Every structure is written in structure tokens, then in C-alpha cells.
Amino acid sequence: MMSVKDMIIRIRSSAHDQQEVGYDDVTLLSYINDGVRFIRRTVMAVYPMLLADMEVSGTVETAERKLELPEPISFLVDMRVNGRKLKLINPQSLDNDDKGEPRFYYMQGFRHICLVPVPDKEYSYSLTAIRDMVLLTLDDSSPFTNDMDDFLYEYVLIRASLTNEFDMSQESTIMSTIVSQITSLVRENCAHGAQVQGYWQPERTTVRW
């Protein structure tokens, strides 16, 4: 885990900007935050559990459809009621509003989870989620391990080096390579055969009962 200040020093050395005439710290910090967001999205699309940093459990009361999370999240990794995994649905597919043991859920905003059907009695629940990204400051450290920090460094160096370039094809090619390397690293450290829904394309299930 590398500090932001150490990463900036490393970037300046590689970009031959030790005199700090090419980029100020604020600009490099913005690139670092962009890189963190880039890596998070890449990992979330492959294996979100690696980023999971929130676990919440409790009891949902009778007729209580909506659960409020303690803070906004970027991704809900796992949602269970009475130990049974719930499936993500599109609320527009609901035909009615019956009561029973929840079997599905959908997000309402980034802090509320709605259960389907509406609980007909008290149930226990547990969830695992990824907190919303918090922007780093100059006094912070990278949220990743050293291997991931290498990808973060490469991303920022590319952004800094190509800032004044007009040919975007080179940047796109390099970024695609970084995505491929991150994906390979994640897959090597995760259970084989695991399948995860895409970050922007959740499974949609039509519910009729």
C-alpha cells in the first residue's frame, strides 16, 4: 500500500518532472483518484467481493419493505434473508405487491434496498456491499495492495504523459492493456468458475405470483 505522496514522487521521477514544472500536486492527485475509480470499476466487473468493505445484518420487521444502509454504496455484492440469497430484479416487472418471505430485491437510490415480496413477518437479513468511493487526499494512502498500486501508477503516468496528446488511440490501447492485466490478476486470485453479473447490466427477472 503506497502513500499518495510517495506515488506522486514516483510519478514525477518517471515523468522527469522532479522540479514540479509540468504538473502540480492537485493535478496528479486528480489523476490518482481517476485511477482508483478506473481500477474499482474493472475489479467490480470481474469479482466484486475483492472490494467488499461493508457488512450489515439485522432484522426486518413485518411489512417493512425498505432497508436503509448506513451510508451510500457503489455495489451490493450479496443480499440474504433468513440465510437465503435474494435475486436482483427490475421493479417495473412486478405484477402485484403480495406479502411473504422476501425472495428478491431492488435498489432505490444508493442507500435503500427494497424487498420483494413485502415481509409477512419478522425476518433476519445480512448483506455485503462495497462502500461508495471516497476521494483520496494528499495525506492518504492507496486503498489497494502493492500489485494493484503498480496498475494505479501506470494509469496515472499514462494520463500525465498523454495530457497534451491529440491521438487518443494510443491511450485507449494502453488502457485496454491495463484492464486486461488487472482482470488476469483478479482471476488468478479468485475461485475458478465464479460468474458475476456485469456492473452496469444486472440480471432482470420477471416476477409473477
Protein backbone atom coordinates (compact mmCIF):
# COMPACT_ATOMS: atom_id res chain seq x y z
CA MET A 1 0.00 0.00 0.00
CA MET A 2 1.64 3.20 -1.18
CA SER A 3 1.01 6.68 0.20
CA VAL A 4 -0.30 9.32 -2.20
CA LYS A 5 2.79 11.47 -1.61
CA ASP A 6 5.13 8.56 -2.41
CA MET A 7 3.19 7.79 -5.57
CA ILE A 8 3.43 11.40 -6.70
CA ILE A 9 7.21 11.31 -6.14
CA ARG A 10 7.42 8.10 -8.17
CA ILE A 11 5.32 9.59 -10.97
CA ARG A 12 7.38 12.78 -11.10
CA SER A 13 10.57 10.74 -11.33
CA SER A 14 9.24 8.68 -14.25
CA ALA A 15 7.84 11.76 -15.99
CA HIS A 16 11.11 13.70 -15.43
CA ASP A 17 9.22 16.35 -13.51
CA GLN A 18 11.20 16.47 -10.26
CA GLN A 19 11.25 20.27 -10.49
CA GLU A 20 7.44 20.27 -10.43
CA VAL A 21 7.07 22.42 -13.52
CA GLY A 22 4.90 20.05 -15.56
CA TYR A 23 2.21 19.10 -13.08
CA ASP A 24 1.16 20.38 -9.70
CA ASP A 25 0.21 18.05 -6.86
CA VAL A 26 -3.50 18.82 -7.22
CA THR A 27 -3.49 17.70 -10.86
CA LEU A 28 -1.63 14.48 -10.09
CA LEU A 29 -3.97 13.82 -7.16
CA SER A 30 -6.96 14.14 -9.52
CA TYR A 31 -5.32 11.60 -11.84
CA ILE A 32 -4.76 9.26 -8.90
CA ASN A 33 -8.42 9.47 -7.90
CA ASP A 34 -9.43 8.82 -11.51
CA GLY A 35 -7.13 5.79 -11.47
CA VAL A 36 -8.66 4.45 -8.26
CA ARG A 37 -12.12 4.77 -9.83
CA PHE A 38 -10.88 3.07 -13.02
CA ILE A 39 -9.46 0.10 -11.10
CA ARG A 40 -12.55 -0.22 -8.88
CA ARG A 41 -14.83 -0.44 -11.90
CA THR A 42 -12.58 -3.02 -13.53
CA VAL A 43 -12.47 -5.21 -10.41
CA MET A 44 -16.21 -4.84 -9.77
CA ALA A 45 -16.94 -6.21 -13.23
CA VAL A 46 -14.82 -9.31 -12.55
CA TYR A 47 -15.04 -10.12 -8.83
CA PRO A 48 -16.74 -7.51 -6.61
CA MET A 49 -16.03 -9.42 -3.40
CA LEU A 50 -12.41 -8.22 -3.52
CA LEU A 51 -13.66 -4.69 -2.86
CA ALA A 52 -16.34 -5.58 -0.31
CA ASP A 53 -15.87 -3.43 2.78
CA MET A 54 -19.33 -3.26 4.36
CA GLU A 55 -21.24 -5.99 6.20
CA VAL A 56 -24.64 -5.28 7.72
CA SER A 57 -27.03 -7.63 9.48
CA GLY A 58 -30.22 -7.18 11.42
CA THR A 59 -33.94 -7.86 11.49
CA VAL A 60 -36.57 -6.66 9.07
CA GLU A 61 -39.97 -6.12 10.65
CA THR A 62 -43.36 -7.23 9.38
CA ALA A 63 -44.50 -5.15 6.36
CA GLU A 64 -41.11 -3.35 6.28
CA ARG A 65 -40.18 -3.31 2.60
CA LYS A 66 -37.32 -0.83 2.60
CA LEU A 67 -33.98 -1.21 4.38
CA GLU A 68 -31.76 1.84 4.83
CA LEU A 69 -27.99 1.41 4.61
CA PRO A 70 -25.69 3.34 6.97
CA GLU A 71 -24.01 5.08 4.01
CA PRO A 72 -24.16 5.11 0.19
CA ILE A 73 -22.77 2.10 -1.65
CA SER A 74 -21.36 1.55 -5.11
CA PHE A 75 -22.37 -2.11 -5.39
CA LEU A 76 -24.42 -4.62 -3.42
CA VAL A 77 -22.44 -7.85 -3.55
CA ASP A 78 -24.72 -10.19 -1.61
CA MET A 79 -28.18 -9.88 -0.02
CA ARG A 80 -29.74 -12.62 2.12
CA VAL A 81 -32.91 -13.08 4.17
CA ASN A 82 -33.01 -15.96 6.66
CA GLY A 83 -29.76 -17.15 5.07
CA ARG A 84 -31.25 -17.44 1.57
CA LYS A 85 -29.69 -15.42 -1.21
CA LEU A 86 -32.04 -12.94 -2.86
CA LYS A 87 -32.06 -12.18 -6.57
CA LEU A 88 -31.86 -8.70 -8.05
CA ILE A 89 -34.94 -7.74 -10.09
CA ASN A 90 -36.28 -4.88 -12.13
CA PRO A 91 -39.12 -3.33 -10.04
CA GLN A 92 -41.00 -2.48 -13.23
CA SER A 93 -41.55 -6.21 -13.74
CA LEU A 94 -43.64 -6.56 -10.55
CA ASP A 95 -47.27 -7.51 -11.14
CA ASN A 96 -48.52 -7.14 -7.57
CA ASP A 97 -47.47 -6.29 -4.03
CA ASP A 98 -48.13 -9.53 -2.13
CA LYS A 99 -46.63 -10.35 1.26
CA GLY A 100 -44.43 -13.31 2.12
CA GLU A 101 -40.83 -14.32 2.65
CA PRO A 102 -38.62 -11.99 0.56
CA ARG A 103 -37.00 -13.73 -2.40
CA PHE A 104 -35.95 -10.72 -4.48
CA TYR A 105 -34.68 -7.18 -4.01
CA TYR A 106 -34.04 -3.99 -5.92
CA MET A 107 -32.10 -0.82 -5.15
CA GLN A 108 -33.83 2.51 -4.63
CA GLY A 109 -31.10 5.09 -4.84
CA PHE A 110 -27.75 4.16 -3.33
CA ARG A 111 -28.81 3.76 0.33
CA HIS A 112 -32.07 1.84 0.22
CA ILE A 113 -32.84 -1.81 -0.54
CA CYS A 114 -36.43 -2.83 -1.25
CA LEU A 115 -37.52 -6.41 -0.52
CA VAL A 116 -39.95 -8.41 -2.66
CA PRO A 117 -42.44 -9.61 -1.61
CA VAL A 118 -43.14 -7.41 1.40
CA PRO A 119 -42.18 -9.34 4.58
CA ASP A 120 -45.21 -11.04 6.15
CA LYS A 121 -43.40 -11.45 9.47
CA GLU A 122 -40.06 -10.71 11.13
CA TYR A 123 -37.01 -11.97 9.22
CA SER A 124 -33.27 -11.78 9.75
CA TYR A 125 -31.15 -10.36 6.97
CA SER A 126 -27.47 -9.91 6.12
CA LEU A 127 -25.72 -8.12 3.29
CA THR A 128 -22.27 -7.47 1.89
CA ALA A 129 -21.60 -4.30 -0.09
CA ILE A 130 -18.92 -2.01 -1.49
CA ARG A 131 -18.91 1.47 0.02
CA ASP A 132 -19.06 4.46 -2.26
CA MET A 133 -15.60 5.69 -3.25
CA VAL A 134 -14.10 8.39 -1.04
CA LEU A 135 -11.68 10.72 -2.84
CA LEU A 136 -8.11 10.49 -1.61
CA THR A 137 -6.24 13.49 -0.24
CA LEU A 138 -2.51 14.16 -0.27
CA ASP A 139 -2.30 12.72 3.26
CA ASP A 140 -3.96 9.40 2.37
CA SER A 141 -2.69 6.09 1.04
CA SER A 142 -3.86 3.97 -1.85
CA PRO A 143 -6.74 1.61 -0.95
CA PHE A 144 -5.11 -1.23 -2.89
CA THR A 145 -2.32 -3.75 -2.42
CA ASN A 146 1.14 -3.21 -3.86
CA ASP A 147 0.35 -5.17 -7.06
CA MET A 148 -2.71 -3.03 -7.72
CA ASP A 149 -0.70 0.08 -6.87
CA ASP A 150 1.54 -0.73 -9.83
CA PHE A 151 -1.52 -0.54 -12.11
CA LEU A 152 -2.58 2.71 -10.43
CA TYR A 153 0.89 4.15 -11.02
CA GLU A 154 0.79 3.08 -14.69
CA TYR A 155 -2.64 4.66 -15.16
CA VAL A 156 -1.58 7.99 -13.67
CA LEU A 157 1.67 8.05 -15.62
CA ILE A 158 -0.23 7.45 -18.85
CA ARG A 159 -2.72 10.22 -18.04
CA ALA A 160 0.10 12.62 -17.23
CA SER A 161 2.21 11.70 -20.26
CA LEU A 162 -0.62 11.91 -22.78
CA THR A 163 -2.33 15.01 -21.40
CA ASN A 164 -1.25 17.13 -24.33
CA GLU A 165 -1.56 14.44 -26.97
CA PHE A 166 -4.32 14.58 -29.56
CA ASP A 167 -4.10 10.92 -30.63
CA MET A 168 -6.48 9.11 -28.29
CA SER A 169 -5.96 5.73 -29.94
CA GLN A 170 -2.63 5.24 -28.16
CA GLU A 171 -4.20 5.96 -24.78
CA SER A 172 -7.11 3.62 -25.49
CA THR A 173 -4.74 0.81 -26.44
CA ILE A 174 -2.66 1.20 -23.29
CA MET A 175 -5.73 1.42 -21.05
CA SER A 176 -7.10 -1.77 -22.62
CA THR A 177 -3.83 -3.50 -21.76
CA ILE A 178 -4.08 -2.34 -18.15
CA VAL A 179 -7.67 -3.62 -17.93
CA SER A 180 -6.53 -6.99 -19.26
CA GLN A 181 -3.69 -7.17 -16.72
CA ILE A 182 -5.97 -6.24 -13.81
CA THR A 183 -8.55 -8.79 -14.92
CA SER A 184 -5.90 -11.52 -15.13
CA LEU A 185 -4.57 -10.71 -11.66
CA VAL A 186 -8.06 -10.77 -10.15
CA ARG A 187 -8.98 -14.06 -11.81
CA GLU A 188 -5.77 -15.68 -10.60
CA ASN A 189 -6.63 -14.80 -7.02
CA CYS A 190 -10.30 -15.82 -7.12
CA ALA A 191 -12.18 -19.09 -7.24
CA HIS A 192 -12.32 -20.51 -10.75
CA GLY A 193 -15.71 -20.75 -12.34
CA ALA A 194 -17.20 -17.84 -10.42
CA GLN A 195 -19.61 -15.87 -12.53
CA VAL A 196 -20.58 -12.33 -11.67
CA GLN A 197 -23.15 -10.10 -13.31
CA GLY A 198 -21.71 -7.06 -15.09
CA TYR A 199 -21.60 -3.87 -13.05
CA TRP A 200 -23.93 -1.95 -15.38
CA GLN A 201 -26.03 -4.93 -16.52
CA PRO A 202 -27.74 -6.59 -13.54
CA GLU A 203 -29.90 -9.62 -14.15
CA ARG A 204 -33.53 -8.80 -14.72
CA THR A 205 -36.14 -11.26 -13.53
CA THR A 206 -39.85 -11.01 -14.28
CA VAL A 207 -41.82 -11.81 -11.14
CA ARG A 208 -45.40 -13.04 -11.15
CA TRP A 209 -47.13 -14.71 -8.23
